[in-house]
Amino acid sequence: DAASINARTIAEFRANQGLVGGGFAGAPLLLLHTAGARSGT
């Protein structure tokens, strides 16, 4: 569920220049790109 919600939020963010609805509506949101601590993925 969390991965599904994240995937939808990421897609909405990208489609709307950083604006999203739902639980994040009106909140400042960023997409954080990291490398896995062990895997580097």
PDB file of all heavy atoms in Angstrom:
ATOM      1  N   ASP A   1       0.825  -1.206   0.000  1.00  0.00           N
ATOM      2  CA  ASP A   1       0.000   0.000   0.000  1.00  0.00           C
ATOM      3  C   ASP A   1       0.858   1.254   0.000  1.00  0.00           C
ATOM      4  O   ASP A   1       0.601   2.190  -0.741  1.00  0.00           O
ATOM      5  CB  ASP A   1      -0.941   0.010   1.202  1.00  0.00           C
ATOM      6  CG  ASP A   1      -2.126  -0.917   1.006  1.00  0.00           C
ATOM      7  OD1 ASP A   1      -2.413  -1.303  -0.151  1.00  0.00           O
ATOM      8  OD2 ASP A   1      -2.772  -1.261   2.013  1.00  0.00           O
ATOM      9  N   ALA A   2       1.891   1.298   0.875  1.00  0.00           N
ATOM     10  CA  ALA A   2       2.766   2.474   0.938  1.00  0.00           C
ATOM     11  C   ALA A   2       3.474   2.690  -0.393  1.00  0.00           C
ATOM     12  O   ALA A   2       3.566   3.822  -0.873  1.00  0.00           O
ATOM     13  CB  ALA A   2       3.777   2.324   2.068  1.00  0.00           C
ATOM     14  N   ALA A   3       3.965   1.628  -1.003  1.00  0.00           N
ATOM     15  CA  ALA A   3       4.649   1.755  -2.296  1.00  0.00           C
ATOM     16  C   ALA A   3       3.683   2.234  -3.372  1.00  0.00           C
ATOM     17  O   ALA A   3       4.043   3.054  -4.225  1.00  0.00           O
ATOM     18  CB  ALA A   3       5.287   0.431  -2.692  1.00  0.00           C
ATOM     19  N   SER A   4       2.457   1.746  -3.338  1.00  0.00           N
ATOM     20  CA  SER A   4       1.443   2.155  -4.302  1.00  0.00           C
ATOM     21  C   SER A   4       1.089   3.632  -4.131  1.00  0.00           C
ATOM     22  O   SER A   4       0.996   4.380  -5.112  1.00  0.00           O
ATOM     23  CB  SER A   4       0.194   1.283  -4.134  1.00  0.00           C
ATOM     24  OG  SER A   4      -0.827   1.711  -4.980  1.00  0.00           O
ATOM     25  N   ILE A   5       0.917   4.051  -2.892  1.00  0.00           N
ATOM     26  CA  ILE A   5       0.618   5.464  -2.615  1.00  0.00           C
ATOM     27  C   ILE A   5       1.786   6.333  -3.067  1.00  0.00           C
ATOM     28  O   ILE A   5       1.585   7.370  -3.696  1.00  0.00           O
ATOM     29  CB  ILE A   5       0.312   5.673  -1.115  1.00  0.00           C
ATOM     30  CG1 ILE A   5      -1.018   5.006  -0.769  1.00  0.00           C
ATOM     31  CG2 ILE A   5       0.301   7.146  -0.751  1.00  0.00           C
ATOM     32  CD1 ILE A   5      -1.281   4.877   0.722  1.00  0.00           C
ATOM     33  N   ASN A   6       3.013   5.920  -2.754  1.00  0.00           N
ATOM     34  CA  ASN A   6       4.188   6.679  -3.174  1.00  0.00           C
ATOM     35  C   ASN A   6       4.258   6.784  -4.692  1.00  0.00           C
ATOM     36  O   ASN A   6       4.536   7.856  -5.234  1.00  0.00           O
ATOM     37  CB  ASN A   6       5.473   6.071  -2.626  1.00  0.00           C
ATOM     38  CG  ASN A   6       5.725   6.448  -1.185  1.00  0.00           C
ATOM     39  OD1 ASN A   6       5.009   7.244  -0.594  1.00  0.00           O
ATOM     40  ND2 ASN A   6       6.757   5.859  -0.611  1.00  0.00           N
ATOM     41  N   ALA A   7       4.014   5.679  -5.389  1.00  0.00           N
ATOM     42  CA  ALA A   7       4.075   5.689  -6.857  1.00  0.00           C
ATOM     43  C   ALA A   7       3.042   6.651  -7.440  1.00  0.00           C
ATOM     44  O   ALA A   7       3.351   7.412  -8.367  1.00  0.00           O
ATOM     45  CB  ALA A   7       3.872   4.282  -7.396  1.00  0.00           C
ATOM     46  N   ARG A   8       1.831   6.632  -6.904  1.00  0.00           N
ATOM     47  CA  ARG A   8       0.795   7.560  -7.390  1.00  0.00           C
ATOM     48  C   ARG A   8       1.172   9.008  -7.084  1.00  0.00           C
ATOM     49  O   ARG A   8       0.980   9.902  -7.915  1.00  0.00           O
ATOM     50  CB  ARG A   8      -0.560   7.217  -6.782  1.00  0.00           C
ATOM     51  CG  ARG A   8      -1.198   5.979  -7.381  1.00  0.00           C
ATOM     52  CD  ARG A   8      -2.670   5.852  -7.005  1.00  0.00           C
ATOM     53  NE  ARG A   8      -2.925   5.922  -5.573  1.00  0.00           N
ATOM     54  CZ  ARG A   8      -2.944   4.879  -4.745  1.00  0.00           C
ATOM     55  NH1 ARG A   8      -2.704   3.663  -5.208  1.00  0.00           N
ATOM     56  NH2 ARG A   8      -3.199   5.043  -3.466  1.00  0.00           N
ATOM     57  N   THR A   9       1.708   9.249  -5.896  1.00  0.00           N
ATOM     58  CA  THR A   9       2.094  10.612  -5.509  1.00  0.00           C
ATOM     59  C   THR A   9       3.224  11.111  -6.397  1.00  0.00           C
ATOM     60  O   THR A   9       3.207  12.265  -6.845  1.00  0.00           O
ATOM     61  CB  THR A   9       2.497  10.654  -4.026  1.00  0.00           C
ATOM     62  OG1 THR A   9       1.401  10.184  -3.233  1.00  0.00           O
ATOM     63  CG2 THR A   9       2.871  12.063  -3.595  1.00  0.00           C
ATOM     64  N   ILE A  10       4.208  10.268  -6.672  1.00  0.00           N
ATOM     65  CA  ILE A  10       5.325  10.646  -7.545  1.00  0.00           C
ATOM     66  C   ILE A  10       4.815  10.977  -8.941  1.00  0.00           C
ATOM     67  O   ILE A  10       5.197  12.003  -9.529  1.00  0.00           O
ATOM     68  CB  ILE A  10       6.380   9.519  -7.585  1.00  0.00           C
ATOM     69  CG1 ILE A  10       7.089   9.424  -6.232  1.00  0.00           C
ATOM     70  CG2 ILE A  10       7.392   9.750  -8.712  1.00  0.00           C
ATOM     71  CD1 ILE A  10       7.885   8.142  -6.039  1.00  0.00           C
ATOM     72  N   ALA A  11       3.936  10.161  -9.481  1.00  0.00           N
ATOM     73  CA  ALA A  11       3.383  10.416 -10.817  1.00  0.00           C
ATOM     74  C   ALA A  11       2.600  11.721 -10.842  1.00  0.00           C
ATOM     75  O   ALA A  11       2.734  12.527 -11.788  1.00  0.00           O
ATOM     76  CB  ALA A  11       2.497   9.251 -11.247  1.00  0.00           C
ATOM     77  N   GLU A  12       1.799  11.972  -9.822  1.00  0.00           N
ATOM     78  CA  GLU A  12       1.017  13.213  -9.754  1.00  0.00           C
ATOM     79  C   GLU A  12       1.941  14.421  -9.625  1.00  0.00           C
ATOM     80  O   GLU A  12       1.728  15.451 -10.270  1.00  0.00           O
ATOM     81  CB  GLU A  12       0.045  13.140  -8.576  1.00  0.00           C
ATOM     82  CG  GLU A  12      -0.921  14.299  -8.524  1.00  0.00           C
ATOM     83  CD  GLU A  12      -1.939  14.174  -7.391  1.00  0.00           C
ATOM     84  OE1 GLU A  12      -1.899  13.191  -6.629  1.00  0.00           O
ATOM     85  OE2 GLU A  12      -2.768  15.088  -7.272  1.00  0.00           O
ATOM     86  N   PHE A  13       2.964  14.315  -8.788  1.00  0.00           N
ATOM     87  CA  PHE A  13       3.953  15.378  -8.608  1.00  0.00           C
ATOM     88  C   PHE A  13       4.567  15.748  -9.963  1.00  0.00           C
ATOM     89  O   PHE A  13       4.647  16.923 -10.325  1.00  0.00           O
ATOM     90  CB  PHE A  13       5.032  14.896  -7.630  1.00  0.00           C
ATOM     91  CG  PHE A  13       6.113  15.895  -7.303  1.00  0.00           C
ATOM     92  CD1 PHE A  13       6.072  16.598  -6.119  1.00  0.00           C
ATOM     93  CD2 PHE A  13       7.180  16.110  -8.159  1.00  0.00           C
ATOM     94  CE1 PHE A  13       7.077  17.507  -5.784  1.00  0.00           C
ATOM     95  CE2 PHE A  13       8.189  17.009  -7.844  1.00  0.00           C
ATOM     96  CZ  PHE A  13       8.131  17.716  -6.649  1.00  0.00           C
ATOM     97  N   ARG A  14       4.998  14.741 -10.696  1.00  0.00           N
ATOM     98  CA  ARG A  14       5.665  14.973 -11.976  1.00  0.00           C
ATOM     99  C   ARG A  14       4.713  15.526 -13.030  1.00  0.00           C
ATOM    100  O   ARG A  14       5.114  16.338 -13.867  1.00  0.00           O
ATOM    101  CB  ARG A  14       6.320  13.692 -12.463  1.00  0.00           C
ATOM    102  CG  ARG A  14       7.531  13.334 -11.622  1.00  0.00           C
ATOM    103  CD  ARG A  14       8.180  12.058 -12.064  1.00  0.00           C
ATOM    104  NE  ARG A  14       9.460  11.864 -11.378  1.00  0.00           N
ATOM    105  CZ  ARG A  14      10.043  10.705 -11.230  1.00  0.00           C
ATOM    106  NH1 ARG A  14       9.483   9.617 -11.735  1.00  0.00           N
ATOM    107  NH2 ARG A  14      11.186  10.619 -10.602  1.00  0.00           N
ATOM    108  N   ALA A  15       3.473  15.113 -12.987  1.00  0.00           N
ATOM    109  CA  ALA A  15       2.487  15.567 -13.977  1.00  0.00           C
ATOM    110  C   ALA A  15       2.006  16.992 -13.709  1.00  0.00           C
ATOM    111  O   ALA A  15       1.493  17.649 -14.620  1.00  0.00           O
ATOM    112  CB  ALA A  15       1.296  14.618 -13.994  1.00  0.00           C
ATOM    113  N   ASN A  16       2.181  17.473 -12.476  1.00  0.00           N
ATOM    114  CA  ASN A  16       1.612  18.771 -12.087  1.00  0.00           C
ATOM    115  C   ASN A  16       2.644  19.734 -11.516  1.00  0.00           C
ATOM    116  O   ASN A  16       2.327  20.542 -10.646  1.00  0.00           O
ATOM    117  CB  ASN A  16       0.488  18.542 -11.066  1.00  0.00           C
ATOM    118  CG  ASN A  16      -0.646  17.755 -11.660  1.00  0.00           C
ATOM    119  OD1 ASN A  16      -1.285  18.198 -12.601  1.00  0.00           O
ATOM    120  ND2 ASN A  16      -0.876  16.566 -11.127  1.00  0.00           N
ATOM    121  N   GLN A  17       3.879  19.671 -11.988  1.00  0.00           N
ATOM    122  CA  GLN A  17       4.939  20.578 -11.574  1.00  0.00           C
ATOM    123  C   GLN A  17       5.077  20.675 -10.053  1.00  0.00           C
ATOM    124  O   GLN A  17       5.273  21.742  -9.483  1.00  0.00           O
ATOM    125  CB  GLN A  17       4.730  21.984 -12.158  1.00  0.00           C
ATOM    126  CG  GLN A  17       4.801  22.063 -13.666  1.00  0.00           C
ATOM    127  CD  GLN A  17       3.547  21.525 -14.346  1.00  0.00           C
ATOM    128  OE1 GLN A  17       2.431  21.813 -13.944  1.00  0.00           O
ATOM    129  NE2 GLN A  17       3.746  20.714 -15.367  1.00  0.00           N
ATOM    130  N   GLY A  18       4.965  19.525  -9.388  1.00  0.00           N
ATOM    131  CA  GLY A  18       5.205  19.478  -7.960  1.00  0.00           C
ATOM    132  C   GLY A  18       3.969  19.621  -7.091  1.00  0.00           C
ATOM    133  O   GLY A  18       4.076  19.564  -5.871  1.00  0.00           O
ATOM    134  N   LEU A  19       2.810  19.791  -7.681  1.00  0.00           N
ATOM    135  CA  LEU A  19       1.585  19.919  -6.901  1.00  0.00           C
ATOM    136  C   LEU A  19       0.850  18.586  -6.876  1.00  0.00           C
ATOM    137  O   LEU A  19       0.755  17.901  -7.894  1.00  0.00           O
ATOM    138  CB  LEU A  19       0.683  20.998  -7.505  1.00  0.00           C
ATOM    139  CG  LEU A  19       1.285  22.397  -7.566  1.00  0.00           C
ATOM    140  CD1 LEU A  19       0.336  23.347  -8.273  1.00  0.00           C
ATOM    141  CD2 LEU A  19       1.627  22.906  -6.175  1.00  0.00           C
ATOM    142  N   VAL A  20       0.341  18.233  -5.701  1.00  0.00           N
ATOM    143  CA  VAL A  20      -0.407  16.990  -5.554  1.00  0.00           C
ATOM    144  C   VAL A  20      -1.638  17.240  -4.695  1.00  0.00           C
ATOM    145  O   VAL A  20      -1.735  18.235  -3.982  1.00  0.00           O
ATOM    146  CB  VAL A  20       0.455  15.864  -4.944  1.00  0.00           C
ATOM    147  CG1 VAL A  20       1.648  15.537  -5.818  1.00  0.00           C
ATOM    148  CG2 VAL A  20       0.903  16.210  -3.546  1.00  0.00           C
ATOM    149  N   GLY A  21      -2.560  16.303  -4.741  1.00  0.00           N
ATOM    150  CA  GLY A  21      -3.768  16.369  -3.922  1.00  0.00           C
ATOM    151  C   GLY A  21      -3.693  15.360  -2.798  1.00  0.00           C
ATOM    152  O   GLY A  21      -2.614  14.997  -2.337  1.00  0.00           O
ATOM    153  N   GLY A  22      -4.842  14.884  -2.404  1.00  0.00           N
ATOM    154  CA  GLY A  22      -4.906  13.873  -1.345  1.00  0.00           C
ATOM    155  C   GLY A  22      -4.348  14.392  -0.036  1.00  0.00           C
ATOM    156  O   GLY A  22      -4.491  15.565   0.288  1.00  0.00           O
ATOM    157  N   GLY A  23      -3.693  13.513   0.703  1.00  0.00           N
ATOM    158  CA  GLY A  23      -3.148  13.867   2.004  1.00  0.00           C
ATOM    159  C   GLY A  23      -2.058  14.924   1.963  1.00  0.00           C
ATOM    160  O   GLY A  23      -1.759  15.545   2.971  1.00  0.00           O
ATOM    161  N   PHE A  24      -1.475  15.144   0.780  1.00  0.00           N
ATOM    162  CA  PHE A  24      -0.421  16.150   0.644  1.00  0.00           C
ATOM    163  C   PHE A  24      -0.928  17.471   0.059  1.00  0.00           C
ATOM    164  O   PHE A  24      -0.143  18.380  -0.174  1.00  0.00           O
ATOM    165  CB  PHE A  24       0.707  15.629  -0.257  1.00  0.00           C
ATOM    166  CG  PHE A  24       1.550  14.552   0.367  1.00  0.00           C
ATOM    167  CD1 PHE A  24       1.619  13.296  -0.210  1.00  0.00           C
ATOM    168  CD2 PHE A  24       2.298  14.785   1.503  1.00  0.00           C
ATOM    169  CE1 PHE A  24       2.408  12.299   0.338  1.00  0.00           C
ATOM    170  CE2 PHE A  24       3.097  13.803   2.060  1.00  0.00           C
ATOM    171  CZ  PHE A  24       3.145  12.553   1.476  1.00  0.00           C
ATOM    172  N   ALA A  25      -2.222  17.592  -0.217  1.00  0.00           N
ATOM    173  CA  ALA A  25      -2.771  18.800  -0.848  1.00  0.00           C
ATOM    174  C   ALA A  25      -2.392  20.040  -0.050  1.00  0.00           C
ATOM    175  O   ALA A  25      -2.593  20.104   1.159  1.00  0.00           O
ATOM    176  CB  ALA A  25      -4.283  18.688  -0.965  1.00  0.00           C
ATOM    177  N   GLY A  26      -1.784  21.003  -0.735  1.00  0.00           N
ATOM    178  CA  GLY A  26      -1.406  22.266  -0.113  1.00  0.00           C
ATOM    179  C   GLY A  26      -0.123  22.230   0.702  1.00  0.00           C
ATOM    180  O   GLY A  26       0.337  23.257   1.173  1.00  0.00           O
ATOM    181  N   ALA A  27       0.445  21.065   0.905  1.00  0.00           N
ATOM    182  CA  ALA A  27       1.666  20.940   1.705  1.00  0.00           C
ATOM    183  C   ALA A  27       2.894  21.028   0.807  1.00  0.00           C
ATOM    184  O   ALA A  27       2.863  20.577  -0.340  1.00  0.00           O
ATOM    185  CB  ALA A  27       1.675  19.606   2.445  1.00  0.00           C
ATOM    186  N   PRO A  28       3.984  21.610   1.311  1.00  0.00           N
ATOM    187  CA  PRO A  28       5.218  21.619   0.530  1.00  0.00           C
ATOM    188  C   PRO A  28       5.780  20.205   0.436  1.00  0.00           C
ATOM    189  O   PRO A  28       5.996  19.557   1.457  1.00  0.00           O
ATOM    190  CB  PRO A  28       6.148  22.550   1.317  1.00  0.00           C
ATOM    191  CG  PRO A  28       5.595  22.570   2.705  1.00  0.00           C
ATOM    192  CD  PRO A  28       4.134  22.255   2.605  1.00  0.00           C
ATOM    193  N   LEU A  29       5.973  19.751  -0.782  1.00  0.00           N
ATOM    194  CA  LEU A  29       6.391  18.379  -1.021  1.00  0.00           C
ATOM    195  C   LEU A  29       7.581  18.369  -1.962  1.00  0.00           C
ATOM    196  O   LEU A  29       7.638  19.157  -2.911  1.00  0.00           O
ATOM    197  CB  LEU A  29       5.220  17.608  -1.648  1.00  0.00           C
ATOM    198  CG  LEU A  29       5.385  16.107  -1.799  1.00  0.00           C
ATOM    199  CD1 LEU A  29       5.313  15.425  -0.438  1.00  0.00           C
ATOM    200  CD2 LEU A  29       4.289  15.554  -2.700  1.00  0.00           C
ATOM    201  N   LEU A  30       8.510  17.468  -1.705  1.00  0.00           N
ATOM    202  CA  LEU A  30       9.627  17.247  -2.613  1.00  0.00           C
ATOM    203  C   LEU A  30       9.762  15.761  -2.859  1.00  0.00           C
ATOM    204  O   LEU A  30       9.225  14.945  -2.115  1.00  0.00           O
ATOM    205  CB  LEU A  30      10.932  17.857  -2.071  1.00  0.00           C
ATOM    206  CG  LEU A  30      11.468  17.400  -0.712  1.00  0.00           C
ATOM    207  CD1 LEU A  30      12.183  16.057  -0.782  1.00  0.00           C
ATOM    208  CD2 LEU A  30      12.414  18.453  -0.159  1.00  0.00           C
ATOM    209  N   LEU A  31      10.458  15.436  -3.934  1.00  0.00           N
ATOM    210  CA  LEU A  31      10.816  14.039  -4.199  1.00  0.00           C
ATOM    211  C   LEU A  31      12.266  13.880  -3.808  1.00  0.00           C
ATOM    212  O   LEU A  31      13.139  14.590  -4.320  1.00  0.00           O
ATOM    213  CB  LEU A  31      10.613  13.680  -5.670  1.00  0.00           C
ATOM    214  CG  LEU A  31       9.196  13.778  -6.210  1.00  0.00           C
ATOM    215  CD1 LEU A  31       9.148  13.308  -7.663  1.00  0.00           C
ATOM    216  CD2 LEU A  31       8.206  12.998  -5.361  1.00  0.00           C
ATOM    217  N   LEU A  32      12.522  12.971  -2.898  1.00  0.00           N
ATOM    218  CA  LEU A  32      13.855  12.713  -2.375  1.00  0.00           C
ATOM    219  C   LEU A  32      14.432  11.489  -3.075  1.00  0.00           C
ATOM    220  O   LEU A  32      13.874  10.405  -2.993  1.00  0.00           O
ATOM    221  CB  LEU A  32      13.776  12.470  -0.863  1.00  0.00           C
ATOM    222  CG  LEU A  32      15.063  12.091  -0.143  1.00  0.00           C
ATOM    223  CD1 LEU A  32      16.103  13.197  -0.279  1.00  0.00           C
ATOM    224  CD2 LEU A  32      14.762  11.795   1.318  1.00  0.00           C
ATOM    225  N   HIS A  33      15.543  11.694  -3.779  1.00  0.00           N
ATOM    226  CA  HIS A  33      16.240  10.618  -4.489  1.00  0.00           C
ATOM    227  C   HIS A  33      17.428  10.193  -3.639  1.00  0.00           C
ATOM    228  O   HIS A  33      18.326  11.005  -3.385  1.00  0.00           O
ATOM    229  CB  HIS A  33      16.770  11.106  -5.845  1.00  0.00           C
ATOM    230  CG  HIS A  33      15.715  11.573  -6.788  1.00  0.00           C
ATOM    231  ND1 HIS A  33      15.323  10.840  -7.873  1.00  0.00           N
ATOM    232  CD2 HIS A  33      14.978  12.705  -6.805  1.00  0.00           C
ATOM    233  CE1 HIS A  33      14.395  11.502  -8.538  1.00  0.00           C
ATOM    234  NE2 HIS A  33      14.155  12.634  -7.902  1.00  0.00           N
ATOM    235  N   THR A  34      17.426   8.948  -3.201  1.00  0.00           N
ATOM    236  CA  THR A  34      18.530   8.427  -2.402  1.00  0.00           C
ATOM    237  C   THR A  34      19.053   7.141  -3.035  1.00  0.00           C
ATOM    238  O   THR A  34      18.427   6.581  -3.932  1.00  0.00           O
ATOM    239  CB  THR A  34      18.076   8.113  -0.955  1.00  0.00           C
ATOM    240  OG1 THR A  34      17.080   7.097  -0.985  1.00  0.00           O
ATOM    241  CG2 THR A  34      17.554   9.357  -0.253  1.00  0.00           C
ATOM    242  N   ALA A  35      20.188   6.696  -2.525  1.00  0.00           N
ATOM    243  CA  ALA A  35      20.727   5.379  -2.884  1.00  0.00           C
ATOM    244  C   ALA A  35      20.529   4.484  -1.675  1.00  0.00           C
ATOM    245  O   ALA A  35      20.766   4.902  -0.532  1.00  0.00           O
ATOM    246  CB  ALA A  35      22.206   5.485  -3.225  1.00  0.00           C
ATOM    247  N   GLY A  36      20.076   3.251  -1.902  1.00  0.00           N
ATOM    248  CA  GLY A  36      19.866   2.314  -0.806  1.00  0.00           C
ATOM    249  C   GLY A  36      21.097   2.200   0.074  1.00  0.00           C
ATOM    250  O   GLY A  36      22.226   2.139  -0.436  1.00  0.00           O
ATOM    251  N   ALA A  37      20.895   2.178   1.382  1.00  0.00           N
ATOM    252  CA  ALA A  37      22.014   2.159   2.335  1.00  0.00           C
ATOM    253  C   ALA A  37      22.960   0.993   2.087  1.00  0.00           C
ATOM    254  O   ALA A  37      24.183   1.157   2.118  1.00  0.00           O
ATOM    255  CB  ALA A  37      21.485   2.111   3.765  1.00  0.00           C
ATOM    256  N   ARG A  38      22.419  -0.186   1.845  1.00  0.00           N
ATOM    257  CA  ARG A  38      23.258  -1.369   1.609  1.00  0.00           C
ATOM    258  C   ARG A  38      23.381  -1.694   0.124  1.00  0.00           C
ATOM    259  O   ARG A  38      24.448  -2.047  -0.347  1.00  0.00           O
ATOM    260  CB  ARG A  38      22.695  -2.572   2.372  1.00  0.00           C
ATOM    261  CG  ARG A  38      22.856  -2.442   3.876  1.00  0.00           C
ATOM    262  CD  ARG A  38      22.396  -3.695   4.604  1.00  0.00           C
ATOM    263  NE  ARG A  38      21.014  -4.045   4.312  1.00  0.00           N
ATOM    264  CZ  ARG A  38      19.970  -3.698   5.063  1.00  0.00           C
ATOM    265  NH1 ARG A  38      20.162  -3.005   6.152  1.00  0.00           N
ATOM    266  NH2 ARG A  38      18.756  -4.066   4.732  1.00  0.00           N
ATOM    267  N   SER A  39      22.280  -1.584  -0.598  1.00  0.00           N
ATOM    268  CA  SER A  39      22.267  -2.037  -1.997  1.00  0.00           C
ATOM    269  C   SER A  39      22.775  -0.993  -2.978  1.00  0.00           C
ATOM    270  O   SER A  39      23.232  -1.333  -4.063  1.00  0.00           O
ATOM    271  CB  SER A  39      20.842  -2.422  -2.402  1.00  0.00           C
ATOM    272  OG  SER A  39      20.026  -1.249  -2.460  1.00  0.00           O
ATOM    273  N   GLY A  40      22.645   0.286  -2.605  1.00  0.00           N
ATOM    274  CA  GLY A  40      22.977   1.354  -3.547  1.00  0.00           C
ATOM    275  C   GLY A  40      21.901   1.562  -4.608  1.00  0.00           C
ATOM    276  O   GLY A  40      22.043   2.415  -5.479  1.00  0.00           O
ATOM    277  N   THR A  41      20.814   0.813  -4.536  1.00  0.00           N
ATOM    278  CA  THR A  41      19.730   0.915  -5.504  1.00  0.00           C
ATOM    279  C   THR A  41      19.056   2.284  -5.401  1.00  0.00           C
ATOM    280  O   THR A  41      18.757   2.740  -4.298  1.00  0.00           O
ATOM    281  CB  THR A  41      18.675  -0.192  -5.242  1.00  0.00           C
ATOM    282  OG1 THR A  41      19.327  -1.455  -5.339  1.00  0.00           O
ATOM    283  CG2 THR A  41      17.534  -0.118  -6.224  1.00  0.00           C
TER     284      THR A  41
END
